[in-house]
Amino acid sequence: LRRGYLVDDEATRIYRTMADLGLPLWDPILESRGLLLQA
């Protein structure tokens, strides 16, 4: 989205569907930037 590959409406549909399906969009583990860089 932030690169402009998706428009707002497409991203909205994706995130809304994820939430509707009971999937997490966020977890505190994502706050560990070092872990993501390691990944």
PDB file of all heavy atoms in Angstrom:
ATOM      1  N   LEU A   1       0.828  -1.206   0.000  1.00  0.00           N
ATOM      2  CA  LEU A   1       0.000   0.000   0.000  1.00  0.00           C
ATOM      3  C   LEU A   1       0.859   1.250   0.000  1.00  0.00           C
ATOM      4  O   LEU A   1       0.623   2.188  -0.777  1.00  0.00           O
ATOM      5  CB  LEU A   1      -0.928  -0.016   1.215  1.00  0.00           C
ATOM      6  CG  LEU A   1      -1.808   1.221   1.411  1.00  0.00           C
ATOM      7  CD1 LEU A   1      -2.783   1.383   0.253  1.00  0.00           C
ATOM      8  CD2 LEU A   1      -2.545   1.140   2.741  1.00  0.00           C
ATOM      9  N   ARG A   2       1.872   1.271   0.843  1.00  0.00           N
ATOM     10  CA  ARG A   2       2.700   2.464   0.971  1.00  0.00           C
ATOM     11  C   ARG A   2       3.609   2.663  -0.242  1.00  0.00           C
ATOM     12  O   ARG A   2       4.073   3.761  -0.494  1.00  0.00           O
ATOM     13  CB  ARG A   2       3.500   2.383   2.270  1.00  0.00           C
ATOM     14  CG  ARG A   2       2.577   2.406   3.502  1.00  0.00           C
ATOM     15  CD  ARG A   2       3.332   2.158   4.800  1.00  0.00           C
ATOM     16  NE  ARG A   2       4.244   3.256   5.102  1.00  0.00           N
ATOM     17  CZ  ARG A   2       3.870   4.419   5.627  1.00  0.00           C
ATOM     18  NH1 ARG A   2       2.601   4.652   5.891  1.00  0.00           N
ATOM     19  NH2 ARG A   2       4.756   5.354   5.875  1.00  0.00           N
ATOM     20  N   ARG A   3       3.835   1.606  -1.002  1.00  0.00           N
ATOM     21  CA  ARG A   3       4.583   1.732  -2.257  1.00  0.00           C
ATOM     22  C   ARG A   3       3.686   2.177  -3.415  1.00  0.00           C
ATOM     23  O   ARG A   3       4.187   2.466  -4.500  1.00  0.00           O
ATOM     24  CB  ARG A   3       5.229   0.389  -2.622  1.00  0.00           C
ATOM     25  CG  ARG A   3       6.469   0.036  -1.826  1.00  0.00           C
ATOM     26  CD  ARG A   3       7.137  -1.203  -2.393  1.00  0.00           C
ATOM     27  NE  ARG A   3       8.457  -1.402  -1.782  1.00  0.00           N
ATOM     28  CZ  ARG A   3       9.456  -2.084  -2.346  1.00  0.00           C
ATOM     29  NH1 ARG A   3       9.290  -2.611  -3.552  1.00  0.00           N
ATOM     30  NH2 ARG A   3      10.605  -2.214  -1.737  1.00  0.00           N
ATOM     31  N   GLY A   4       2.392   2.141  -3.192  1.00  0.00           N
ATOM     32  CA  GLY A   4       1.474   2.472  -4.267  1.00  0.00           C
ATOM     33  C   GLY A   4       1.093   1.287  -5.129  1.00  0.00           C
ATOM     34  O   GLY A   4       0.471   1.466  -6.190  1.00  0.00           O
ATOM     35  N   TYR A   5       1.443   0.079  -4.708  1.00  0.00           N
ATOM     36  CA  TYR A   5       1.063  -1.107  -5.464  1.00  0.00           C
ATOM     37  C   TYR A   5      -0.429  -1.404  -5.301  1.00  0.00           C
ATOM     38  O   TYR A   5      -1.025  -2.064  -6.157  1.00  0.00           O
ATOM     39  CB  TYR A   5       1.853  -2.327  -4.987  1.00  0.00           C
ATOM     40  CG  TYR A   5       3.331  -2.299  -5.267  1.00  0.00           C
ATOM     41  CD1 TYR A   5       4.175  -3.261  -4.715  1.00  0.00           C
ATOM     42  CD2 TYR A   5       3.908  -1.341  -6.098  1.00  0.00           C
ATOM     43  CE1 TYR A   5       5.536  -3.266  -4.965  1.00  0.00           C
ATOM     44  CE2 TYR A   5       5.264  -1.328  -6.349  1.00  0.00           C
ATOM     45  CZ  TYR A   5       6.080  -2.292  -5.773  1.00  0.00           C
ATOM     46  OH  TYR A   5       7.432  -2.289  -6.006  1.00  0.00           O
ATOM     47  N   LEU A   6      -1.002  -0.989  -4.169  1.00  0.00           N
ATOM     48  CA  LEU A   6      -2.419  -1.162  -3.884  1.00  0.00           C
ATOM     49  C   LEU A   6      -3.054   0.202  -3.676  1.00  0.00           C
ATOM     50  O   LEU A   6      -2.408   1.116  -3.146  1.00  0.00           O
ATOM     51  CB  LEU A   6      -2.625  -1.996  -2.609  1.00  0.00           C
ATOM     52  CG  LEU A   6      -2.210  -3.462  -2.611  1.00  0.00           C
ATOM     53  CD1 LEU A   6      -2.304  -4.032  -1.196  1.00  0.00           C
ATOM     54  CD2 LEU A   6      -3.072  -4.272  -3.572  1.00  0.00           C
ATOM     55  N   VAL A   7      -4.308   0.330  -4.052  1.00  0.00           N
ATOM     56  CA  VAL A   7      -5.056   1.537  -3.698  1.00  0.00           C
ATOM     57  C   VAL A   7      -5.734   1.300  -2.362  1.00  0.00           C
ATOM     58  O   VAL A   7      -5.856   0.165  -1.887  1.00  0.00           O
ATOM     59  CB  VAL A   7      -6.097   1.891  -4.786  1.00  0.00           C
ATOM     60  CG1 VAL A   7      -5.402   2.169  -6.105  1.00  0.00           C
ATOM     61  CG2 VAL A   7      -7.123   0.793  -4.932  1.00  0.00           C
ATOM     62  N   ASP A   8      -6.193   2.389  -1.741  1.00  0.00           N
ATOM     63  CA  ASP A   8      -6.779   2.290  -0.402  1.00  0.00           C
ATOM     64  C   ASP A   8      -7.923   1.279  -0.345  1.00  0.00           C
ATOM     65  O   ASP A   8      -8.035   0.495   0.607  1.00  0.00           O
ATOM     66  CB  ASP A   8      -7.294   3.665   0.048  1.00  0.00           C
ATOM     67  CG  ASP A   8      -6.170   4.596   0.454  1.00  0.00           C
ATOM     68  OD1 ASP A   8      -5.000   4.178   0.338  1.00  0.00           O
ATOM     69  OD2 ASP A   8      -6.464   5.730   0.869  1.00  0.00           O
ATOM     70  N   ASP A   9      -8.780   1.299  -1.362  1.00  0.00           N
ATOM     71  CA  ASP A   9      -9.945   0.420  -1.335  1.00  0.00           C
ATOM     72  C   ASP A   9      -9.533  -1.047  -1.348  1.00  0.00           C
ATOM     73  O   ASP A   9     -10.148  -1.883  -0.657  1.00  0.00           O
ATOM     74  CB  ASP A   9     -10.855   0.721  -2.524  1.00  0.00           C
ATOM     75  CG  ASP A   9     -12.080  -0.180  -2.553  1.00  0.00           C
ATOM     76  OD1 ASP A   9     -12.901  -0.081  -1.623  1.00  0.00           O
ATOM     77  OD2 ASP A   9     -12.202  -0.989  -3.487  1.00  0.00           O
ATOM     78  N   GLU A  10      -8.508  -1.384  -2.104  1.00  0.00           N
ATOM     79  CA  GLU A  10      -8.042  -2.780  -2.152  1.00  0.00           C
ATOM     80  C   GLU A  10      -7.486  -3.203  -0.801  1.00  0.00           C
ATOM     81  O   GLU A  10      -7.778  -4.307  -0.308  1.00  0.00           O
ATOM     82  CB  GLU A  10      -6.976  -2.946  -3.230  1.00  0.00           C
ATOM     83  CG  GLU A  10      -7.504  -2.832  -4.647  1.00  0.00           C
ATOM     84  CD  GLU A  10      -6.382  -2.814  -5.649  1.00  0.00           C
ATOM     85  OE1 GLU A  10      -5.365  -2.119  -5.434  1.00  0.00           O
ATOM     86  OE2 GLU A  10      -6.514  -3.499  -6.687  1.00  0.00           O
ATOM     87  N   ALA A  11      -6.670  -2.358  -0.202  1.00  0.00           N
ATOM     88  CA  ALA A  11      -6.113  -2.687   1.104  1.00  0.00           C
ATOM     89  C   ALA A  11      -7.216  -2.803   2.157  1.00  0.00           C
ATOM     90  O   ALA A  11      -7.179  -3.681   3.024  1.00  0.00           O
ATOM     91  CB  ALA A  11      -5.084  -1.637   1.517  1.00  0.00           C
ATOM     92  N   THR A  12      -8.209  -1.915   2.085  1.00  0.00           N
ATOM     93  CA  THR A  12      -9.334  -1.975   3.015  1.00  0.00           C
ATOM     94  C   THR A  12     -10.046  -3.318   2.913  1.00  0.00           C
ATOM     95  O   THR A  12     -10.364  -3.954   3.923  1.00  0.00           O
ATOM     96  CB  THR A  12     -10.332  -0.836   2.723  1.00  0.00           C
ATOM     97  OG1 THR A  12      -9.699   0.404   2.987  1.00  0.00           O
ATOM     98  CG2 THR A  12     -11.580  -0.957   3.588  1.00  0.00           C
ATOM     99  N   ARG A  13     -10.298  -3.758   1.688  1.00  0.00           N
ATOM    100  CA  ARG A  13     -10.975  -5.046   1.496  1.00  0.00           C
ATOM    101  C   ARG A  13     -10.137  -6.196   2.058  1.00  0.00           C
ATOM    102  O   ARG A  13     -10.674  -7.128   2.674  1.00  0.00           O
ATOM    103  CB  ARG A  13     -11.241  -5.274   0.008  1.00  0.00           C
ATOM    104  CG  ARG A  13     -12.267  -4.332  -0.600  1.00  0.00           C
ATOM    105  CD  ARG A  13     -12.364  -4.562  -2.099  1.00  0.00           C
ATOM    106  NE  ARG A  13     -12.846  -5.920  -2.400  1.00  0.00           N
ATOM    107  CZ  ARG A  13     -12.686  -6.509  -3.579  1.00  0.00           C
ATOM    108  NH1 ARG A  13     -12.036  -5.874  -4.582  1.00  0.00           N
ATOM    109  NH2 ARG A  13     -13.151  -7.724  -3.782  1.00  0.00           N
ATOM    110  N   ILE A  14      -8.831  -6.135   1.841  1.00  0.00           N
ATOM    111  CA  ILE A  14      -7.949  -7.200   2.337  1.00  0.00           C
ATOM    112  C   ILE A  14      -7.990  -7.252   3.860  1.00  0.00           C
ATOM    113  O   ILE A  14      -8.214  -8.329   4.459  1.00  0.00           O
ATOM    114  CB  ILE A  14      -6.503  -6.990   1.844  1.00  0.00           C
ATOM    115  CG1 ILE A  14      -6.427  -7.219   0.332  1.00  0.00           C
ATOM    116  CG2 ILE A  14      -5.539  -7.934   2.571  1.00  0.00           C
ATOM    117  CD1 ILE A  14      -5.107  -6.800  -0.290  1.00  0.00           C
ATOM    118  N   TYR A  15      -7.786  -6.135   4.512  1.00  0.00           N
ATOM    119  CA  TYR A  15      -7.743  -6.125   5.970  1.00  0.00           C
ATOM    120  C   TYR A  15      -9.103  -6.456   6.578  1.00  0.00           C
ATOM    121  O   TYR A  15      -9.192  -7.164   7.582  1.00  0.00           O
ATOM    122  CB  TYR A  15      -7.241  -4.774   6.485  1.00  0.00           C
ATOM    123  CG  TYR A  15      -5.760  -4.573   6.289  1.00  0.00           C
ATOM    124  CD1 TYR A  15      -5.270  -3.463   5.600  1.00  0.00           C
ATOM    125  CD2 TYR A  15      -4.841  -5.487   6.788  1.00  0.00           C
ATOM    126  CE1 TYR A  15      -3.908  -3.276   5.409  1.00  0.00           C
ATOM    127  CE2 TYR A  15      -3.481  -5.313   6.607  1.00  0.00           C
ATOM    128  CZ  TYR A  15      -3.018  -4.198   5.920  1.00  0.00           C
ATOM    129  OH  TYR A  15      -1.671  -4.019   5.744  1.00  0.00           O
ATOM    130  N   ARG A  16     -10.164  -5.960   5.966  1.00  0.00           N
ATOM    131  CA  ARG A  16     -11.489  -6.260   6.479  1.00  0.00           C
ATOM    132  C   ARG A  16     -11.772  -7.762   6.383  1.00  0.00           C
ATOM    133  O   ARG A  16     -12.324  -8.367   7.307  1.00  0.00           O
ATOM    134  CB  ARG A  16     -12.552  -5.480   5.716  1.00  0.00           C
ATOM    135  CG  ARG A  16     -13.967  -5.649   6.318  1.00  0.00           C
ATOM    136  CD  ARG A  16     -15.039  -5.117   5.400  1.00  0.00           C
ATOM    137  NE  ARG A  16     -14.847  -3.701   5.133  1.00  0.00           N
ATOM    138  CZ  ARG A  16     -14.825  -3.173   3.924  1.00  0.00           C
ATOM    139  NH1 ARG A  16     -14.948  -3.960   2.874  1.00  0.00           N
ATOM    140  NH2 ARG A  16     -14.672  -1.877   3.754  1.00  0.00           N
ATOM    141  N   THR A  17     -11.391  -8.366   5.275  1.00  0.00           N
ATOM    142  CA  THR A  17     -11.620  -9.806   5.096  1.00  0.00           C
ATOM    143  C   THR A  17     -10.794 -10.618   6.080  1.00  0.00           C
ATOM    144  O   THR A  17     -11.279 -11.611   6.652  1.00  0.00           O
ATOM    145  CB  THR A  17     -11.301 -10.212   3.649  1.00  0.00           C
ATOM    146  OG1 THR A  17     -12.146  -9.473   2.757  1.00  0.00           O
ATOM    147  CG2 THR A  17     -11.527 -11.696   3.431  1.00  0.00           C
ATOM    148  N   MET A  18      -9.552 -10.222   6.298  1.00  0.00           N
ATOM    149  CA  MET A  18      -8.728 -10.916   7.284  1.00  0.00           C
ATOM    150  C   MET A  18      -9.393 -10.885   8.654  1.00  0.00           C
ATOM    151  O   MET A  18      -9.479 -11.915   9.345  1.00  0.00           O
ATOM    152  CB  MET A  18      -7.331 -10.288   7.349  1.00  0.00           C
ATOM    153  CG  MET A  18      -6.491 -10.503   6.111  1.00  0.00           C
ATOM    154  SD  MET A  18      -4.926  -9.588   6.130  1.00  0.00           S
ATOM    155  CE  MET A  18      -4.012 -10.526   7.340  1.00  0.00           C
ATOM    156  N   ALA A  19      -9.864  -9.722   9.042  1.00  0.00           N
ATOM    157  CA  ALA A  19     -10.524  -9.589  10.347  1.00  0.00           C
ATOM    158  C   ALA A  19     -11.803 -10.426  10.405  1.00  0.00           C
ATOM    159  O   ALA A  19     -12.067 -11.101  11.403  1.00  0.00           O
ATOM    160  CB  ALA A  19     -10.829  -8.120  10.635  1.00  0.00           C
ATOM    161  N   ASP A  20     -12.591 -10.417   9.327  1.00  0.00           N
ATOM    162  CA  ASP A  20     -13.826 -11.199   9.288  1.00  0.00           C
ATOM    163  C   ASP A  20     -13.553 -12.691   9.427  1.00  0.00           C
ATOM    164  O   ASP A  20     -14.372 -13.437   9.977  1.00  0.00           O
ATOM    165  CB  ASP A  20     -14.577 -10.948   7.984  1.00  0.00           C
ATOM    166  CG  ASP A  20     -15.322  -9.627   7.972  1.00  0.00           C
ATOM    167  OD1 ASP A  20     -15.476  -9.027   9.059  1.00  0.00           O
ATOM    168  OD2 ASP A  20     -15.754  -9.194   6.893  1.00  0.00           O
ATOM    169  N   LEU A  21     -12.425 -13.134   8.925  1.00  0.00           N
ATOM    170  CA  LEU A  21     -12.079 -14.554   8.963  1.00  0.00           C
ATOM    171  C   LEU A  21     -11.388 -14.948  10.268  1.00  0.00           C
ATOM    172  O   LEU A  21     -10.935 -16.092  10.411  1.00  0.00           O
ATOM    173  CB  LEU A  21     -11.184 -14.910   7.771  1.00  0.00           C
ATOM    174  CG  LEU A  21     -11.825 -14.734   6.388  1.00  0.00           C
ATOM    175  CD1 LEU A  21     -10.810 -15.010   5.284  1.00  0.00           C
ATOM    176  CD2 LEU A  21     -13.041 -15.629   6.234  1.00  0.00           C
ATOM    177  N   GLY A  22     -11.305 -14.022  11.199  1.00  0.00           N
ATOM    178  CA  GLY A  22     -10.726 -14.329  12.504  1.00  0.00           C
ATOM    179  C   GLY A  22      -9.220 -14.363  12.528  1.00  0.00           C
ATOM    180  O   GLY A  22      -8.619 -14.985  13.412  1.00  0.00           O
ATOM    181  N   LEU A  23      -8.587 -13.685  11.569  1.00  0.00           N
ATOM    182  CA  LEU A  23      -7.132 -13.688  11.479  1.00  0.00           C
ATOM    183  C   LEU A  23      -6.556 -12.430  12.115  1.00  0.00           C
ATOM    184  O   LEU A  23      -7.132 -11.347  12.007  1.00  0.00           O
ATOM    185  CB  LEU A  23      -6.698 -13.764  10.015  1.00  0.00           C
ATOM    186  CG  LEU A  23      -7.052 -15.080   9.315  1.00  0.00           C
ATOM    187  CD1 LEU A  23      -6.815 -14.970   7.815  1.00  0.00           C
ATOM    188  CD2 LEU A  23      -6.239 -16.229   9.892  1.00  0.00           C
ATOM    189  N   PRO A  24      -5.403 -12.547  12.762  1.00  0.00           N
ATOM    190  CA  PRO A  24      -4.802 -11.375  13.403  1.00  0.00           C
ATOM    191  C   PRO A  24      -4.154 -10.440  12.389  1.00  0.00           C
ATOM    192  O   PRO A  24      -3.518 -10.881  11.428  1.00  0.00           O
ATOM    193  CB  PRO A  24      -3.748 -11.990  14.337  1.00  0.00           C
ATOM    194  CG  PRO A  24      -3.351 -13.265  13.655  1.00  0.00           C
ATOM    195  CD  PRO A  24      -4.618 -13.773  12.998  1.00  0.00           C
ATOM    196  N   LEU A  25      -4.330  -9.142  12.618  1.00  0.00           N
ATOM    197  CA  LEU A  25      -3.644  -8.130  11.823  1.00  0.00           C
ATOM    198  C   LEU A  25      -2.441  -7.574  12.562  1.00  0.00           C
ATOM    199  O   LEU A  25      -1.588  -6.912  11.954  1.00  0.00           O
ATOM    200  CB  LEU A  25      -4.597  -6.978  11.494  1.00  0.00           C
ATOM    201  CG  LEU A  25      -5.947  -7.327  10.871  1.00  0.00           C
ATOM    202  CD1 LEU A  25      -6.729  -6.055  10.572  1.00  0.00           C
ATOM    203  CD2 LEU A  25      -5.755  -8.146   9.619  1.00  0.00           C
ATOM    204  N   TRP A  26      -2.390  -7.826  13.845  1.00  0.00           N
ATOM    205  CA  TRP A  26      -1.328  -7.241  14.667  1.00  0.00           C
ATOM    206  C   TRP A  26      -1.037  -8.149  15.839  1.00  0.00           C
ATOM    207  O   TRP A  26      -1.922  -8.834  16.371  1.00  0.00           O
ATOM    208  CB  TRP A  26      -1.726  -5.856  15.163  1.00  0.00           C
ATOM    209  CG  TRP A  26      -0.697  -5.232  16.054  1.00  0.00           C
ATOM    210  CD1 TRP A  26      -0.694  -5.171  17.425  1.00  0.00           C
ATOM    211  CD2 TRP A  26       0.525  -4.616  15.633  1.00  0.00           C
ATOM    212  NE1 TRP A  26       0.454  -4.562  17.869  1.00  0.00           N
ATOM    213  CE2 TRP A  26       1.216  -4.200  16.794  1.00  0.00           C
ATOM    214  CE3 TRP A  26       1.089  -4.371  14.378  1.00  0.00           C
ATOM    215  CZ2 TRP A  26       2.448  -3.567  16.743  1.00  0.00           C
ATOM    216  CZ3 TRP A  26       2.320  -3.730  14.323  1.00  0.00           C
ATOM    217  CH2 TRP A  26       2.985  -3.335  15.494  1.00  0.00           C
ATOM    218  N   ASP A  27       0.207  -8.157  16.254  1.00  0.00           N
ATOM    219  CA  ASP A  27       0.636  -8.829  17.478  1.00  0.00           C
ATOM    220  C   ASP A  27       1.818  -8.047  18.026  1.00  0.00           C
ATOM    221  O   ASP A  27       2.629  -7.519  17.241  1.00  0.00           O
ATOM    222  CB  ASP A  27       1.054 -10.279  17.173  1.00  0.00           C
ATOM    223  CG  ASP A  27       1.347 -11.066  18.444  1.00  0.00           C
ATOM    224  OD1 ASP A  27       2.507 -10.979  18.935  1.00  0.00           O
ATOM    225  OD2 ASP A  27       0.448 -11.756  18.935  1.00  0.00           O
ATOM    226  N   PRO A  28       1.955  -7.945  19.344  1.00  0.00           N
ATOM    227  CA  PRO A  28       3.077  -7.183  19.903  1.00  0.00           C
ATOM    228  C   PRO A  28       4.445  -7.652  19.431  1.00  0.00           C
ATOM    229  O   PRO A  28       5.410  -6.873  19.461  1.00  0.00           O
ATOM    230  CB  PRO A  28       2.907  -7.393  21.415  1.00  0.00           C
ATOM    231  CG  PRO A  28       1.445  -7.625  21.604  1.00  0.00           C
ATOM    232  CD  PRO A  28       1.004  -8.380  20.380  1.00  0.00           C
ATOM    233  N   ILE A  29       4.538  -8.896  18.953  1.00  0.00           N
ATOM    234  CA  ILE A  29       5.838  -9.371  18.486  1.00  0.00           C
ATOM    235  C   ILE A  29       6.341  -8.559  17.296  1.00  0.00           C
ATOM    236  O   ILE A  29       7.546  -8.466  17.056  1.00  0.00           O
ATOM    237  CB  ILE A  29       5.777 -10.872  18.138  1.00  0.00           C
ATOM    238  CG1 ILE A  29       7.191 -11.462  18.075  1.00  0.00           C
ATOM    239  CG2 ILE A  29       5.027 -11.116  16.828  1.00  0.00           C
ATOM    240  CD1 ILE A  29       7.232 -12.967  18.001  1.00  0.00           C
ATOM    241  N   LEU A  30       5.416  -7.924  16.564  1.00  0.00           N
ATOM    242  CA  LEU A  30       5.834  -7.101  15.424  1.00  0.00           C
ATOM    243  C   LEU A  30       6.564  -5.843  15.867  1.00  0.00           C
ATOM    244  O   LEU A  30       7.211  -5.182  15.045  1.00  0.00           O
ATOM    245  CB  LEU A  30       4.615  -6.721  14.577  1.00  0.00           C
ATOM    246  CG  LEU A  30       3.898  -7.862  13.847  1.00  0.00           C
ATOM    247  CD1 LEU A  30       2.684  -7.333  13.098  1.00  0.00           C
ATOM    248  CD2 LEU A  30       4.843  -8.584  12.888  1.00  0.00           C
ATOM    249  N   GLU A  31       6.460  -5.489  17.142  1.00  0.00           N
ATOM    250  CA  GLU A  31       7.173  -4.321  17.642  1.00  0.00           C
ATOM    251  C   GLU A  31       8.681  -4.564  17.712  1.00  0.00           C
ATOM    252  O   GLU A  31       9.460  -3.621  17.849  1.00  0.00           O
ATOM    253  CB  GLU A  31       6.642  -3.937  19.024  1.00  0.00           C
ATOM    254  CG  GLU A  31       5.185  -3.477  18.998  1.00  0.00           C
ATOM    255  CD  GLU A  31       4.633  -3.250  20.397  1.00  0.00           C
ATOM    256  OE1 GLU A  31       5.330  -3.580  21.380  1.00  0.00           O
ATOM    257  OE2 GLU A  31       3.497  -2.758  20.496  1.00  0.00           O
ATOM    258  N   SER A  32       9.064  -5.841  17.629  1.00  0.00           N
ATOM    259  CA  SER A  32      10.490  -6.177  17.661  1.00  0.00           C
ATOM    260  C   SER A  32      11.063  -6.051  16.253  1.00  0.00           C
ATOM    261  O   SER A  32      11.108  -7.013  15.485  1.00  0.00           O
ATOM    262  CB  SER A  32      10.696  -7.600  18.193  1.00  0.00           C
ATOM    263  OG  SER A  32      12.059  -7.954  18.120  1.00  0.00           O
ATOM    264  N   ARG A  33      11.492  -4.822  15.922  1.00  0.00           N
ATOM    265  CA  ARG A  33      12.039  -4.595  14.584  1.00  0.00           C
ATOM    266  C   ARG A  33      13.274  -5.455  14.350  1.00  0.00           C
ATOM    267  O   ARG A  33      13.512  -5.935  13.242  1.00  0.00           O
ATOM    268  CB  ARG A  33      12.369  -3.111  14.428  1.00  0.00           C
ATOM    269  CG  ARG A  33      12.953  -2.730  13.073  1.00  0.00           C
ATOM    270  CD  ARG A  33      12.892  -1.225  12.871  1.00  0.00           C
ATOM    271  NE  ARG A  33      13.826  -0.770  11.864  1.00  0.00           N
ATOM    272  CZ  ARG A  33      15.005  -0.218  12.122  1.00  0.00           C
ATOM    273  NH1 ARG A  33      15.384  -0.063  13.379  1.00  0.00           N
ATOM    274  NH2 ARG A  33      15.792   0.194  11.152  1.00  0.00           N
ATOM    275  N   GLY A  34      14.051  -5.661  15.405  1.00  0.00           N
ATOM    276  CA  GLY A  34      15.240  -6.503  15.265  1.00  0.00           C
ATOM    277  C   GLY A  34      14.888  -7.924  14.860  1.00  0.00           C
ATOM    278  O   GLY A  34      15.599  -8.544  14.054  1.00  0.00           O
ATOM    279  N   LEU A  35      13.776  -8.443  15.390  1.00  0.00           N
ATOM    280  CA  LEU A  35      13.348  -9.783  15.023  1.00  0.00           C
ATOM    281  C   LEU A  35      12.959  -9.845  13.548  1.00  0.00           C
ATOM    282  O   LEU A  35      13.296 -10.806  12.846  1.00  0.00           O
ATOM    283  CB  LEU A  35      12.159 -10.214  15.888  1.00  0.00           C
ATOM    284  CG  LEU A  35      11.582 -11.595  15.591  1.00  0.00           C
ATOM    285  CD1 LEU A  35      12.592 -12.684  15.947  1.00  0.00           C
ATOM    286  CD2 LEU A  35      10.272 -11.814  16.352  1.00  0.00           C
ATOM    287  N   LEU A  36      12.276  -8.810  13.064  1.00  0.00           N
ATOM    288  CA  LEU A  36      11.877  -8.788  11.661  1.00  0.00           C
ATOM    289  C   LEU A  36      13.086  -8.673  10.735  1.00  0.00           C
ATOM    290  O   LEU A  36      13.116  -9.275   9.658  1.00  0.00           O
ATOM    291  CB  LEU A  36      10.902  -7.639  11.407  1.00  0.00           C
ATOM    292  CG  LEU A  36       9.560  -7.739  12.139  1.00  0.00           C
ATOM    293  CD1 LEU A  36       8.670  -6.555  11.775  1.00  0.00           C
ATOM    294  CD2 LEU A  36       8.853  -9.050  11.833  1.00  0.00           C
ATOM    295  N   LEU A  37      14.080  -7.914  11.150  1.00  0.00           N
ATOM    296  CA  LEU A  37      15.296  -7.817  10.344  1.00  0.00           C
ATOM    297  C   LEU A  37      16.040  -9.147  10.344  1.00  0.00           C
ATOM    298  O   LEU A  37      16.625  -9.542   9.328  1.00  0.00           O
ATOM    299  CB  LEU A  37      16.186  -6.697  10.874  1.00  0.00           C
ATOM    300  CG  LEU A  37      15.604  -5.282  10.784  1.00  0.00           C
ATOM    301  CD1 LEU A  37      16.602  -4.257  11.298  1.00  0.00           C
ATOM    302  CD2 LEU A  37      15.196  -4.958   9.342  1.00  0.00           C
ATOM    303  N   GLN A  38      16.012  -9.835  11.480  1.00  0.00           N
ATOM    304  CA  GLN A  38      16.606 -11.177  11.533  1.00  0.00           C
ATOM    305  C   GLN A  38      15.849 -12.123  10.598  1.00  0.00           C
ATOM    306  O   GLN A  38      16.458 -12.928   9.890  1.00  0.00           O
ATOM    307  CB  GLN A  38      16.543 -11.706  12.963  1.00  0.00           C
ATOM    308  CG  GLN A  38      17.017 -13.148  13.131  1.00  0.00           C
ATOM    309  CD  GLN A  38      16.713 -13.705  14.515  1.00  0.00           C
ATOM    310  OE1 GLN A  38      16.643 -12.966  15.502  1.00  0.00           O
ATOM    311  NE2 GLN A  38      16.521 -15.000  14.609  1.00  0.00           N
ATOM    312  N   ALA A  39      14.522 -11.997  10.599  1.00  0.00           N
ATOM    313  CA  ALA A  39      13.710 -12.835   9.725  1.00  0.00           C
ATOM    314  C   ALA A  39      14.042 -12.562   8.262  1.00  0.00           C
ATOM    315  O   ALA A  39      14.138 -13.497   7.444  1.00  0.00           O
ATOM    316  CB  ALA A  39      12.222 -12.575   9.992  1.00  0.00           C
TER     317      ALA A  39
END
